Amino acid sequence: MVYISLFTNLIMVGISLITHFVTYPSFKLIKSSSFSEFHKSYTNKMLFIVAPVMILELISSLLLVNFDKSDNNLEIGLLITLMLIWLLTFFIIVPIHNKLTVNYNKDLNQKLIKYNGLRTILWMIKLILFIGFCDYLTANFH
């Protein structure tokens, strides 16, 4: 379970970095007449890629919390960070995407970039916590 959780976290950091620095800033280059069609296609394709990884990340994180019997709380920190990511995603970022699907708006795109930056930082914090968790496991359970 540890490897699955680490793997999914690494994938989401990579996807989030590419999305933040390449994809979202590129939205402004798409003609407004074709943006809605492009955006629907983009979000559907990303959902197909990201949803299974995020679900697997959640399941593996829940299993880590359930089965880890160590005296530290790093796995709780991992899960709390992941919950913040999910809240940010589904209550802020997805609604912005829904609005952008209807009509491109420069200010909304800037908000999307800003909030995705926060989400990217949270995924990187989770990765750092996870490395600490793996270090703890290696030091105490060999």
Protein backbone atom coordinates (compact mmCIF):
# COMPACT_ATOMS: atom_id res chain seq x y z
CA MET A 1 0.00 0.00 0.00
CA VAL A 2 2.91 2.32 0.73
CA TYR A 3 4.21 2.03 -2.82
CA ILE A 4 0.77 2.64 -4.36
CA SER A 5 0.29 5.74 -2.23
CA LEU A 6 3.76 7.05 -3.09
CA PHE A 7 3.28 6.30 -6.79
CA THR A 8 -0.11 8.05 -6.98
CA ASN A 9 1.25 11.05 -5.08
CA LEU A 10 4.18 11.35 -7.51
CA ILE A 11 1.85 11.11 -10.50
CA MET A 12 -0.41 13.84 -9.14
CA VAL A 13 2.53 16.15 -8.40
CA GLY A 14 3.70 15.68 -12.00
CA ILE A 15 0.26 16.22 -13.51
CA SER A 16 -0.36 19.24 -11.32
CA LEU A 17 2.98 20.85 -12.23
CA ILE A 18 2.39 20.37 -15.97
CA THR A 19 -1.17 21.65 -15.65
CA HIS A 20 -0.03 24.67 -13.64
CA PHE A 21 2.88 25.76 -15.79
CA VAL A 22 1.79 24.61 -19.26
CA THR A 23 -1.91 23.82 -19.66
CA TYR A 24 -3.78 26.50 -17.72
CA PRO A 25 -1.61 29.40 -18.93
CA SER A 26 -2.14 28.14 -22.50
CA PHE A 27 -5.92 28.55 -22.19
CA LYS A 28 -5.54 32.23 -23.06
CA LEU A 29 -4.10 31.29 -26.47
CA ILE A 30 -7.22 29.43 -27.60
CA LYS A 31 -9.68 31.37 -29.71
CA SER A 32 -12.84 32.25 -27.81
CA SER A 33 -14.98 30.80 -30.61
CA SER A 34 -13.54 27.31 -30.01
CA PHE A 35 -12.66 27.53 -26.31
CA SER A 36 -15.83 25.92 -24.98
CA GLU A 37 -15.48 22.89 -27.24
CA PHE A 38 -11.77 22.62 -26.43
CA HIS A 39 -12.37 22.95 -22.69
CA LYS A 40 -15.07 20.26 -22.63
CA SER A 41 -12.74 17.91 -24.46
CA TYR A 42 -9.83 18.78 -22.15
CA THR A 43 -11.79 18.28 -18.92
CA ASN A 44 -13.26 14.97 -20.11
CA LYS A 45 -9.81 13.64 -21.04
CA MET A 46 -8.26 14.85 -17.79
CA LEU A 47 -11.07 13.28 -15.78
CA PHE A 48 -10.31 9.94 -17.44
CA ILE A 49 -6.63 10.25 -16.44
CA VAL A 50 -6.84 11.95 -13.05
CA ALA A 51 -9.95 10.45 -11.42
CA PRO A 52 -8.62 6.87 -11.15
CA VAL A 53 -5.30 8.10 -9.75
CA MET A 54 -7.00 10.37 -7.20
CA ILE A 55 -9.36 7.59 -6.12
CA LEU A 56 -6.48 5.14 -5.75
CA GLU A 57 -4.55 7.78 -3.80
CA LEU A 58 -7.51 8.23 -1.45
CA ILE A 59 -8.05 4.49 -0.94
CA SER A 60 -4.35 3.85 -0.29
CA SER A 61 -4.19 6.78 2.14
CA LEU A 62 -7.22 5.49 4.05
CA LEU A 63 -5.68 2.02 4.21
CA LEU A 64 -2.40 3.46 5.50
CA VAL A 65 -4.23 5.23 8.31
CA ASN A 66 -6.23 2.09 9.09
CA PHE A 67 -3.35 -0.40 9.08
CA ASP A 68 -0.42 1.69 10.35
CA LYS A 69 0.09 0.85 14.00
CA SER A 70 3.08 3.10 14.58
CA ASP A 71 3.11 5.75 17.26
CA ASN A 72 3.56 8.66 14.86
CA ASN A 73 0.83 10.60 13.11
CA LEU A 74 2.44 11.17 9.72
CA GLU A 75 -0.21 9.08 7.98
CA ILE A 76 -2.89 11.30 9.54
CA GLY A 77 -1.05 14.35 8.18
CA LEU A 78 -0.99 12.70 4.75
CA LEU A 79 -4.73 12.09 4.87
CA ILE A 80 -5.52 15.62 6.10
CA THR A 81 -3.41 17.09 3.29
CA LEU A 82 -5.21 14.89 0.78
CA MET A 83 -8.60 15.99 2.16
CA LEU A 84 -7.57 19.63 1.69
CA ILE A 85 -6.62 18.82 -1.90
CA TRP A 86 -9.99 17.17 -2.53
CA LEU A 87 -11.90 20.08 -0.95
CA LEU A 88 -9.96 22.59 -3.04
CA THR A 89 -10.50 20.50 -6.17
CA PHE A 90 -14.23 19.86 -5.86
CA PHE A 91 -15.42 23.05 -4.18
CA ILE A 92 -13.23 25.64 -5.92
CA ILE A 93 -11.40 24.31 -8.99
CA VAL A 94 -14.20 22.20 -10.53
CA PRO A 95 -16.73 25.08 -10.28
CA ILE A 96 -14.23 27.37 -12.04
CA HIS A 97 -13.86 24.76 -14.78
CA ASN A 98 -17.66 24.57 -15.08
CA LYS A 99 -17.83 28.32 -15.60
CA LEU A 100 -14.97 28.25 -18.11
CA THR A 101 -16.75 25.56 -20.10
CA VAL A 102 -19.59 28.00 -20.72
CA ASN A 103 -17.37 30.94 -21.60
CA TYR A 104 -13.66 31.75 -21.33
CA ASN A 105 -12.90 34.50 -18.85
CA LYS A 106 -9.38 35.79 -18.23
CA ASP A 107 -10.04 36.48 -14.54
CA LEU A 108 -11.44 32.99 -14.00
CA ASN A 109 -8.42 31.51 -15.73
CA GLN A 110 -6.15 33.49 -13.38
CA LYS A 111 -8.12 32.16 -10.39
CA LEU A 112 -7.75 28.65 -11.79
CA ILE A 113 -3.98 29.12 -12.04
CA LYS A 114 -3.82 30.55 -8.51
CA TYR A 115 -5.86 27.77 -6.90
CA ASN A 116 -4.08 25.08 -8.88
CA GLY A 117 -0.81 26.55 -7.60
CA LEU A 118 -2.08 26.08 -4.05
CA ARG A 119 -3.18 22.52 -4.88
CA THR A 120 0.24 21.79 -6.42
CA ILE A 121 1.94 23.04 -3.25
CA LEU A 122 -0.34 20.83 -1.15
CA TRP A 123 0.53 17.78 -3.28
CA MET A 124 4.24 18.59 -2.87
CA ILE A 125 3.79 18.99 0.90
CA LYS A 126 2.05 15.62 0.93
CA LEU A 127 4.97 14.11 -0.98
CA ILE A 128 7.46 15.55 1.53
CA LEU A 129 5.37 14.19 4.43
CA PHE A 130 5.20 10.85 2.65
CA ILE A 131 8.99 10.73 2.26
CA GLY A 132 9.21 11.38 6.00
CA PHE A 133 6.71 8.59 6.62
CA CYS A 134 8.75 6.19 4.46
CA ASP A 135 11.93 7.23 6.27
CA TYR A 136 10.21 6.54 9.60
CA LEU A 137 9.04 3.12 8.41
CA THR A 138 12.52 2.24 7.14
CA ALA A 139 14.18 3.31 10.39
CA ASN A 140 11.73 1.53 12.68
CA PHE A 141 10.48 -1.55 10.82
CA HIS A 142 13.33 -3.27 9.02
